[in-house]
Amino acid sequence: DYCAAEGVAVQAHTPLGAPGGMGKAHRSRLLDHPTVARVASEAAMAPAQVLLGWSLRHGVAVAPKCSSAPHAADCLAAARRASDLTPAHMRALDEMSGQGRPLRVVNPPFMRCIPESRQAHHF
């Protein structure tokens, strides 16, 4: 809400949880999360499409790493399929948490100084 009010465009950093860059433990936190798997199954989408679609539905730009043509096609499909996520799916994804707080995979030092109320949605 703060960014929208101030006219700031938000882009997701590692919208898939940095599956190749931060180790397998981080990959399992998002792409293999039970909620993401359930939503992906119900919406007939790949888990990566669910995560990208969630960001897009929240008005957050995404720029996932696309290392191959098929991967790029899957990422583009997420934009076309984002509207397939139902309000119930979006609520379930919004409520994913780690110990009662939003799950952050990437937590750079510059984000720690921004009050929680001013941070955009994040897993």
Foldseek 3Di string as FASTA:
>chain_A
DLCVVVVHAAADDQLQQPCPNPDPVSNCLQQVDPLLVVQCVVLVARSSLQSLLLCVVLRHHYDHDQPDPVSVVSNVVSVVCSVSQDPVSSVSVLCDPDPRHRDDSDDDPVNVVDPPVPDGRHD
